[in-house]
Amino acid sequence: MSLCEHLIDIDNVTLSHTHVCEECAKTNSRWVHLRVCQTCGVTLCCDDSPNKHMTQHFHATGHPVIASGEPGERWLWCYKDEVFTEY
């Protein structure tokens, strides 16, 4: 599978520095896994989490690419083109 233009545009992967979902922390909610927006750097929860904050962020902003915020995981996902790649 080839990479989409959004993934090709990623030169440096932004990693999570907070290790918490920034939105869940505001409401004392729980999360399962963390994702990092590669456009603005926000760290939010995954779709297995009750609030699905990263998907909400994509729909609100259009920021297409996320990286895993989990230690040891090295992958990117493009919401817009539904393309996955490891790095």
PDB file of N, CA and C in Angstrom:
ATOM      1  N   MET A   1       0.846  -1.180   0.000  1.00  0.00           N
ATOM      2  CA  MET A   1       0.000   0.000   0.000  1.00  0.00           C
ATOM      3  C   MET A   1       0.887   1.238   0.000  1.00  0.00           C
ATOM      4  N   SER A   2       0.525   2.197  -0.788  1.00  0.00           N
ATOM      5  CA  SER A   2       1.313   3.424  -0.850  1.00  0.00           C
ATOM      6  C   SER A   2       0.827   4.411   0.211  1.00  0.00           C
ATOM      7  N   LEU A   3       1.718   5.325   0.562  1.00  0.00           N
ATOM      8  CA  LEU A   3       1.388   6.356   1.538  1.00  0.00           C
ATOM      9  C   LEU A   3       0.590   7.465   0.874  1.00  0.00           C
ATOM     10  N   CYS A   4      -0.279   8.080   1.643  1.00  0.00           N
ATOM     11  CA  CYS A   4      -1.035   9.226   1.135  1.00  0.00           C
ATOM     12  C   CYS A   4      -0.189  10.489   1.277  1.00  0.00           C
ATOM     13  N   GLU A   5      -0.656  11.568   0.676  1.00  0.00           N
ATOM     14  CA  GLU A   5       0.085  12.835   0.718  1.00  0.00           C
ATOM     15  C   GLU A   5       0.246  13.353   2.145  1.00  0.00           C
ATOM     16  N   HIS A   6      -0.718  13.088   3.016  1.00  0.00           N
ATOM     17  CA  HIS A   6      -0.641  13.570   4.394  1.00  0.00           C
ATOM     18  C   HIS A   6       0.484  12.875   5.170  1.00  0.00           C
ATOM     19  N   LEU A   7       0.630  11.576   4.943  1.00  0.00           N
ATOM     20  CA  LEU A   7       1.705  10.833   5.614  1.00  0.00           C
ATOM     21  C   LEU A   7       3.063  11.184   5.024  1.00  0.00           C
ATOM     22  N   ILE A   8       3.115  11.376   3.728  1.00  0.00           N
ATOM     23  CA  ILE A   8       4.374  11.747   3.067  1.00  0.00           C
ATOM     24  C   ILE A   8       4.876  13.090   3.590  1.00  0.00           C
ATOM     25  N   ASP A   9       3.958  13.986   3.945  1.00  0.00           N
ATOM     26  CA  ASP A   9       4.326  15.321   4.436  1.00  0.00           C
ATOM     27  C   ASP A   9       4.916  15.318   5.852  1.00  0.00           C
ATOM     28  N   ILE A  10       4.846  14.207   6.569  1.00  0.00           N
ATOM     29  CA  ILE A  10       5.377  14.143   7.940  1.00  0.00           C
ATOM     30  C   ILE A  10       6.886  13.934   7.877  1.00  0.00           C
ATOM     31  N   ASP A  11       7.636  14.965   8.290  1.00  0.00           N
ATOM     32  CA  ASP A  11       9.099  14.871   8.322  1.00  0.00           C
ATOM     33  C   ASP A  11       9.604  14.354   9.664  1.00  0.00           C
ATOM     34  N   ASN A  12       9.027  14.874  10.738  1.00  0.00           N
ATOM     35  CA  ASN A  12       9.403  14.474  12.092  1.00  0.00           C
ATOM     36  C   ASN A  12       8.143  14.133  12.859  1.00  0.00           C
ATOM     37  N   VAL A  13       8.134  12.978  13.500  1.00  0.00           N
ATOM     38  CA  VAL A  13       6.969  12.558  14.263  1.00  0.00           C
ATOM     39  C   VAL A  13       6.977  13.255  15.620  1.00  0.00           C
ATOM     40  N   THR A  14       5.866  13.901  15.957  1.00  0.00           N
ATOM     41  CA  THR A  14       5.690  14.533  17.262  1.00  0.00           C
ATOM     42  C   THR A  14       5.217  13.473  18.238  1.00  0.00           C
ATOM     43  N   LEU A  15       5.918  13.337  19.355  1.00  0.00           N
ATOM     44  CA  LEU A  15       5.574  12.343  20.371  1.00  0.00           C
ATOM     45  C   LEU A  15       4.870  13.013  21.541  1.00  0.00           C
ATOM     46  N   SER A  16       4.206  12.213  22.348  1.00  0.00           N
ATOM     47  CA  SER A  16       3.494  12.722  23.519  1.00  0.00           C
ATOM     48  C   SER A  16       4.480  13.086  24.618  1.00  0.00           C
ATOM     49  N   HIS A  17       4.274  14.247  25.215  1.00  0.00           N
ATOM     50  CA  HIS A  17       5.094  14.667  26.346  1.00  0.00           C
ATOM     51  C   HIS A  17       4.285  14.676  27.628  1.00  0.00           C
ATOM     52  N   THR A  18       2.965  14.530  27.516  1.00  0.00           N
ATOM     53  CA  THR A  18       2.121  14.624  28.698  1.00  0.00           C
ATOM     54  C   THR A  18       1.717  13.266  29.260  1.00  0.00           C
ATOM     55  N   HIS A  19       1.574  12.276  28.410  1.00  0.00           N
ATOM     56  CA  HIS A  19       1.159  10.922  28.798  1.00  0.00           C
ATOM     57  C   HIS A  19      -0.206  10.899  29.472  1.00  0.00           C
ATOM     58  N   VAL A  20      -1.040  11.887  29.150  1.00  0.00           N
ATOM     59  CA  VAL A  20      -2.443  11.921  29.577  1.00  0.00           C
ATOM     60  C   VAL A  20      -3.266  12.483  28.425  1.00  0.00           C
ATOM     61  N   CYS A  21      -4.527  12.079  28.367  1.00  0.00           N
ATOM     62  CA  CYS A  21      -5.444  12.711  27.420  1.00  0.00           C
ATOM     63  C   CYS A  21      -5.779  14.083  27.982  1.00  0.00           C
ATOM     64  N   GLU A  22      -5.454  15.112  27.236  1.00  0.00           N
ATOM     65  CA  GLU A  22      -5.630  16.480  27.712  1.00  0.00           C
ATOM     66  C   GLU A  22      -7.096  16.815  27.993  1.00  0.00           C
ATOM     67  N   GLU A  23      -8.029  16.231  27.243  1.00  0.00           N
ATOM     68  CA  GLU A  23      -9.456  16.484  27.464  1.00  0.00           C
ATOM     69  C   GLU A  23     -10.006  15.620  28.595  1.00  0.00           C
ATOM     70  N   CYS A  24      -9.624  14.359  28.669  1.00  0.00           N
ATOM     71  CA  CYS A  24     -10.082  13.498  29.767  1.00  0.00           C
ATOM     72  C   CYS A  24      -9.608  14.037  31.122  1.00  0.00           C
ATOM     73  N   ALA A  25      -8.408  14.587  31.147  1.00  0.00           N
ATOM     74  CA  ALA A  25      -7.867  15.132  32.396  1.00  0.00           C
ATOM     75  C   ALA A  25      -8.729  16.273  32.925  1.00  0.00           C
ATOM     76  N   LYS A  26      -9.346  17.037  32.042  1.00  0.00           N
ATOM     77  CA  LYS A  26     -10.192  18.162  32.455  1.00  0.00           C
ATOM     78  C   LYS A  26     -11.461  17.712  33.163  1.00  0.00           C
ATOM     79  N   THR A  27     -11.945  16.510  32.819  1.00  0.00           N
ATOM     80  CA  THR A  27     -13.209  16.026  33.380  1.00  0.00           C
ATOM     81  C   THR A  27     -13.026  14.790  34.254  1.00  0.00           C
ATOM     82  N   ASN A  28     -11.776  14.469  34.550  1.00  0.00           N
ATOM     83  CA  ASN A  28     -11.460  13.298  35.370  1.00  0.00           C
ATOM     84  C   ASN A  28     -12.005  12.005  34.749  1.00  0.00           C
ATOM     85  N   SER A  29     -11.975  11.938  33.411  1.00  0.00           N
ATOM     86  CA  SER A  29     -12.422  10.747  32.681  1.00  0.00           C
ATOM     87  C   SER A  29     -11.248   9.805  32.476  1.00  0.00           C
ATOM     88  N   ARG A  30     -11.550   8.597  32.071  1.00  0.00           N
ATOM     89  CA  ARG A  30     -10.487   7.620  31.824  1.00  0.00           C
ATOM     90  C   ARG A  30     -10.266   7.446  30.321  1.00  0.00           C
ATOM     91  N   TRP A  31      -9.096   6.933  29.973  1.00  0.00           N
ATOM     92  CA  TRP A  31      -8.772   6.651  28.582  1.00  0.00           C
ATOM     93  C   TRP A  31      -8.073   5.309  28.512  1.00  0.00           C
ATOM     94  N   VAL A  32      -7.999   4.765  27.296  1.00  0.00           N
ATOM     95  CA  VAL A  32      -7.362   3.466  27.071  1.00  0.00           C
ATOM     96  C   VAL A  32      -5.967   3.667  26.501  1.00  0.00           C
ATOM     97  N   HIS A  33      -5.864   4.346  25.350  1.00  0.00           N
ATOM     98  CA  HIS A  33      -4.585   4.603  24.700  1.00  0.00           C
ATOM     99  C   HIS A  33      -4.530   6.061  24.271  1.00  0.00           C
ATOM    100  N   LEU A  34      -3.325   6.542  24.064  1.00  0.00           N
ATOM    101  CA  LEU A  34      -3.137   7.938  23.680  1.00  0.00           C
ATOM    102  C   LEU A  34      -2.696   8.058  22.230  1.00  0.00           C
ATOM    103  N   ARG A  35      -3.110   9.141  21.598  1.00  0.00           N
ATOM    104  CA  ARG A  35      -2.743   9.466  20.229  1.00  0.00           C
ATOM    105  C   ARG A  35      -2.260  10.910  20.196  1.00  0.00           C
ATOM    106  N   VAL A  36      -1.343  11.213  19.280  1.00  0.00           N
ATOM    107  CA  VAL A  36      -0.772  12.552  19.182  1.00  0.00           C
ATOM    108  C   VAL A  36      -1.055  13.121  17.794  1.00  0.00           C
ATOM    109  N   CYS A  37      -1.699  14.273  17.751  1.00  0.00           N
ATOM    110  CA  CYS A  37      -1.982  14.946  16.484  1.00  0.00           C
ATOM    111  C   CYS A  37      -0.664  15.442  15.902  1.00  0.00           C
ATOM    112  N   GLN A  38      -0.423  15.126  14.639  1.00  0.00           N
ATOM    113  CA  GLN A  38       0.820  15.524  13.993  1.00  0.00           C
ATOM    114  C   GLN A  38       0.750  16.924  13.385  1.00  0.00           C
ATOM    115  N   THR A  39      -0.397  17.570  13.476  1.00  0.00           N
ATOM    116  CA  THR A  39      -0.515  18.953  13.031  1.00  0.00           C
ATOM    117  C   THR A  39      -0.269  19.919  14.181  1.00  0.00           C
ATOM    118  N   CYS A  40      -0.927  19.686  15.322  1.00  0.00           N
ATOM    119  CA  CYS A  40      -0.837  20.649  16.439  1.00  0.00           C
ATOM    120  C   CYS A  40      -0.175  20.092  17.689  1.00  0.00           C
ATOM    121  N   GLY A  41       0.046  18.764  17.747  1.00  0.00           N
ATOM    122  CA  GLY A  41       0.762  18.171  18.876  1.00  0.00           C
ATOM    123  C   GLY A  41      -0.080  17.825  20.085  1.00  0.00           C
ATOM    124  N   VAL A  42      -1.391  18.020  20.031  1.00  0.00           N
ATOM    125  CA  VAL A  42      -2.252  17.698  21.164  1.00  0.00           C
ATOM    126  C   VAL A  42      -2.271  16.180  21.388  1.00  0.00           C
ATOM    127  N   THR A  43      -2.282  15.765  22.660  1.00  0.00           N
ATOM    128  CA  THR A  43      -2.370  14.353  23.023  1.00  0.00           C
ATOM    129  C   THR A  43      -3.774  14.079  23.526  1.00  0.00           C
ATOM    130  N   LEU A  44      -4.463  13.143  22.852  1.00  0.00           N
ATOM    131  CA  LEU A  44      -5.846  12.816  23.195  1.00  0.00           C
ATOM    132  C   LEU A  44      -6.052  11.304  23.154  1.00  0.00           C
ATOM    133  N   CYS A  45      -7.226  10.853  23.599  1.00  0.00           N
ATOM    134  CA  CYS A  45      -7.497   9.418  23.710  1.00  0.00           C
ATOM    135  C   CYS A  45      -7.981   8.805  22.395  1.00  0.00           C
ATOM    136  N   CYS A  46      -7.833   7.489  22.320  1.00  0.00           N
ATOM    137  CA  CYS A  46      -8.164   6.709  21.120  1.00  0.00           C
ATOM    138  C   CYS A  46      -9.649   6.358  21.059  1.00  0.00           C
ATOM    139  N   ASP A  47     -10.037   5.654  20.003  1.00  0.00           N
ATOM    140  CA  ASP A  47     -11.430   5.251  19.818  1.00  0.00           C
ATOM    141  C   ASP A  47     -11.857   4.112  20.732  1.00  0.00           C
ATOM    142  N   ASP A  48     -10.930   3.433  21.400  1.00  0.00           N
ATOM    143  CA  ASP A  48     -11.301   2.431  22.396  1.00  0.00           C
ATOM    144  C   ASP A  48     -11.644   3.089  23.732  1.00  0.00           C
ATOM    145  N   SER A  49     -11.339   4.356  23.855  1.00  0.00           N
ATOM    146  CA  SER A  49     -11.645   5.126  25.060  1.00  0.00           C
ATOM    147  C   SER A  49     -13.085   5.623  24.992  1.00  0.00           C
ATOM    148  N   PRO A  50     -13.736   5.814  26.139  1.00  0.00           N
ATOM    149  CA  PRO A  50     -15.152   6.231  26.129  1.00  0.00           C
ATOM    150  C   PRO A  50     -15.431   7.525  25.369  1.00  0.00           C
ATOM    151  N   ASN A  51     -14.536   8.497  25.429  1.00  0.00           N
ATOM    152  CA  ASN A  51     -14.817   9.801  24.822  1.00  0.00           C
ATOM    153  C   ASN A  51     -14.281   9.984  23.407  1.00  0.00           C
ATOM    154  N   LYS A  52     -13.395   9.134  22.967  1.00  0.00           N
ATOM    155  CA  LYS A  52     -12.870   9.179  21.590  1.00  0.00           C
ATOM    156  C   LYS A  52     -12.428  10.591  21.199  1.00  0.00           C
ATOM    157  N   HIS A  53     -11.654  11.227  22.066  1.00  0.00           N
ATOM    158  CA  HIS A  53     -11.301  12.627  21.857  1.00  0.00           C
ATOM    159  C   HIS A  53     -10.488  12.893  20.592  1.00  0.00           C
ATOM    160  N   MET A  54      -9.594  11.967  20.203  1.00  0.00           N
ATOM    161  CA  MET A  54      -8.791  12.255  19.007  1.00  0.00           C
ATOM    162  C   MET A  54      -9.649  12.261  17.754  1.00  0.00           C
ATOM    163  N   THR A  55     -10.599  11.360  17.645  1.00  0.00           N
ATOM    164  CA  THR A  55     -11.487  11.369  16.482  1.00  0.00           C
ATOM    165  C   THR A  55     -12.336  12.642  16.479  1.00  0.00           C
ATOM    166  N   GLN A  56     -12.795  13.070  17.644  1.00  0.00           N
ATOM    167  CA  GLN A  56     -13.534  14.327  17.744  1.00  0.00           C
ATOM    168  C   GLN A  56     -12.655  15.495  17.283  1.00  0.00           C
ATOM    169  N   HIS A  57     -11.378  15.457  17.679  1.00  0.00           N
ATOM    170  CA  HIS A  57     -10.430  16.496  17.277  1.00  0.00           C
ATOM    171  C   HIS A  57     -10.284  16.533  15.751  1.00  0.00           C
ATOM    172  N   PHE A  58     -10.156  15.365  15.137  1.00  0.00           N
ATOM    173  CA  PHE A  58     -10.061  15.313  13.672  1.00  0.00           C
ATOM    174  C   PHE A  58     -11.295  15.941  13.023  1.00  0.00           C
ATOM    175  N   HIS A  59     -12.484  15.573  13.486  1.00  0.00           N
ATOM    176  CA  HIS A  59     -13.711  16.109  12.882  1.00  0.00           C
ATOM    177  C   HIS A  59     -13.843  17.616  13.099  1.00  0.00           C
ATOM    178  N   ALA A  60     -13.373  18.102  14.228  1.00  0.00           N
ATOM    179  CA  ALA A  60     -13.476  19.537  14.528  1.00  0.00           C
ATOM    180  C   ALA A  60     -12.432  20.375  13.787  1.00  0.00           C
ATOM    181  N   THR A  61     -11.237  19.803  13.571  1.00  0.00           N
ATOM    182  CA  THR A  61     -10.125  20.587  13.018  1.00  0.00           C
ATOM    183  C   THR A  61      -9.721  20.196  11.603  1.00  0.00           C
ATOM    184  N   GLY A  62      -9.972  18.947  11.222  1.00  0.00           N
ATOM    185  CA  GLY A  62      -9.500  18.456   9.936  1.00  0.00           C
ATOM    186  C   GLY A  62      -8.038  18.031   9.953  1.00  0.00           C
ATOM    187  N   HIS A  63      -7.399  18.038  11.118  1.00  0.00           N
ATOM    188  CA  HIS A  63      -6.003  17.589  11.218  1.00  0.00           C
ATOM    189  C   HIS A  63      -5.971  16.088  10.933  1.00  0.00           C
ATOM    190  N   PRO A  64      -5.324  15.670   9.835  1.00  0.00           N
ATOM    191  CA  PRO A  64      -5.512  14.309   9.343  1.00  0.00           C
ATOM    192  C   PRO A  64      -4.653  13.207   9.970  1.00  0.00           C
ATOM    193  N   VAL A  65      -3.465  13.517  10.455  1.00  0.00           N
ATOM    194  CA  VAL A  65      -2.528  12.445  10.836  1.00  0.00           C
ATOM    195  C   VAL A  65      -2.291  12.418  12.342  1.00  0.00           C
ATOM    196  N   ILE A  66      -2.338  11.189  12.886  1.00  0.00           N
ATOM    197  CA  ILE A  66      -2.019  10.968  14.295  1.00  0.00           C
ATOM    198  C   ILE A  66      -0.919   9.924  14.404  1.00  0.00           C
ATOM    199  N   ALA A  67      -0.223   9.969  15.534  1.00  0.00           N
ATOM    200  CA  ALA A  67       0.759   8.935  15.881  1.00  0.00           C
ATOM    201  C   ALA A  67       0.319   8.305  17.187  1.00  0.00           C
ATOM    202  N   SER A  68       0.730   7.084  17.403  1.00  0.00           N
ATOM    203  CA  SER A  68       0.477   6.476  18.700  1.00  0.00           C
ATOM    204  C   SER A  68       1.242   7.245  19.762  1.00  0.00           C
ATOM    205  N   GLY A  69       0.610   7.434  20.906  1.00  0.00           N
ATOM    206  CA  GLY A  69       1.260   8.062  22.044  1.00  0.00           C
ATOM    207  C   GLY A  69       1.695   7.035  23.068  1.00  0.00           C
ATOM    208  N   GLU A  70       1.668   5.768  22.679  1.00  0.00           N
ATOM    209  CA  GLU A  70       2.014   4.680  23.591  1.00  0.00           C
ATOM    210  C   GLU A  70       3.487   4.311  23.462  1.00  0.00           C
ATOM    211  N   PRO A  71       4.163   4.087  24.596  1.00  0.00           N
ATOM    212  CA  PRO A  71       5.573   3.688  24.551  1.00  0.00           C
ATOM    213  C   PRO A  71       5.768   2.425  23.717  1.00  0.00           C
ATOM    214  N   GLY A  72       6.784   2.438  22.880  1.00  0.00           N
ATOM    215  CA  GLY A  72       7.118   1.271  22.064  1.00  0.00           C
ATOM    216  C   GLY A  72       6.326   1.139  20.778  1.00  0.00           C
ATOM    217  N   GLU A  73       5.279   1.933  20.590  1.00  0.00           N
ATOM    218  CA  GLU A  73       4.499   1.880  19.355  1.00  0.00           C
ATOM    219  C   GLU A  73       4.980   2.984  18.423  1.00  0.00           C
ATOM    220  N   ARG A  74       5.252   2.617  17.177  1.00  0.00           N
ATOM    221  CA  ARG A  74       5.779   3.570  16.200  1.00  0.00           C
ATOM    222  C   ARG A  74       4.956   3.471  14.923  1.00  0.00           C
ATOM    223  N   TRP A  75       3.796   4.103  14.939  1.00  0.00           N
ATOM    224  CA  TRP A  75       2.945   4.095  13.756  1.00  0.00           C
ATOM    225  C   TRP A  75       2.214   5.419  13.608  1.00  0.00           C
ATOM    226  N   LEU A  76       1.745   5.636  12.372  1.00  0.00           N
ATOM    227  CA  LEU A  76       0.969   6.818  12.006  1.00  0.00           C
ATOM    228  C   LEU A  76      -0.323   6.364  11.325  1.00  0.00           C
ATOM    229  N   TRP A  77      -1.375   7.152  11.491  1.00  0.00           N
ATOM    230  CA  TRP A  77      -2.662   6.883  10.852  1.00  0.00           C
ATOM    231  C   TRP A  77      -3.176   8.181  10.249  1.00  0.00           C
ATOM    232  N   CYS A  78      -3.648   8.101   9.020  1.00  0.00           N
ATOM    233  CA  CYS A  78      -4.284   9.244   8.378  1.00  0.00           C
ATOM    234  C   CYS A  78      -5.793   9.012   8.383  1.00  0.00           C
ATOM    235  N   TYR A  79      -6.501   9.834   9.138  1.00  0.00           N
ATOM    236  CA  TYR A  79      -7.964   9.735   9.180  1.00  0.00           C
ATOM    237  C   TYR A  79      -8.573   9.991   7.807  1.00  0.00           C
ATOM    238  N   LYS A  80      -8.084  10.996   7.131  1.00  0.00           N
ATOM    239  CA  LYS A  80      -8.687  11.429   5.869  1.00  0.00           C
ATOM    240  C   LYS A  80      -8.643  10.334   4.798  1.00  0.00           C
ATOM    241  N   ASP A  81      -7.490   9.672   4.682  1.00  0.00           N
ATOM    242  CA  ASP A  81      -7.328   8.667   3.634  1.00  0.00           C
ATOM    243  C   ASP A  81      -7.378   7.232   4.162  1.00  0.00           C
ATOM    244  N   GLU A  82      -7.543   7.081   5.492  1.00  0.00           N
ATOM    245  CA  GLU A  82      -7.586   5.772   6.143  1.00  0.00           C
ATOM    246  C   GLU A  82      -6.383   4.912   5.763  1.00  0.00           C
ATOM    247  N   VAL A  83      -5.199   5.510   5.947  1.00  0.00           N
ATOM    248  CA  VAL A  83      -3.930   4.841   5.632  1.00  0.00           C
ATOM    249  C   VAL A  83      -3.099   4.752   6.904  1.00  0.00           C
ATOM    250  N   PHE A  84      -2.522   3.571   7.121  1.00  0.00           N
ATOM    251  CA  PHE A  84      -1.694   3.254   8.289  1.00  0.00           C
ATOM    252  C   PHE A  84      -0.267   2.970   7.829  1.00  0.00           C
ATOM    253  N   THR A  85       0.715   3.408   8.613  1.00  0.00           N
ATOM    254  CA  THR A  85       2.092   3.028   8.334  1.00  0.00           C
ATOM    255  C   THR A  85       2.877   2.981   9.643  1.00  0.00           C
ATOM    256  N   GLU A  86       3.855   2.110   9.671  1.00  0.00           N
ATOM    257  CA  GLU A  86       4.791   2.079  10.791  1.00  0.00           C
ATOM    258  C   GLU A  86       6.015   2.897  10.386  1.00  0.00           C
ATOM    259  N   TYR A  87       6.700   3.446  11.362  1.00  0.00           N
ATOM    260  CA  TYR A  87       7.897   4.214  11.059  1.00  0.00           C
ATOM    261  C   TYR A  87       9.043   3.757  11.920  1.00  0.00           C
TER     262      TYR A  87
END
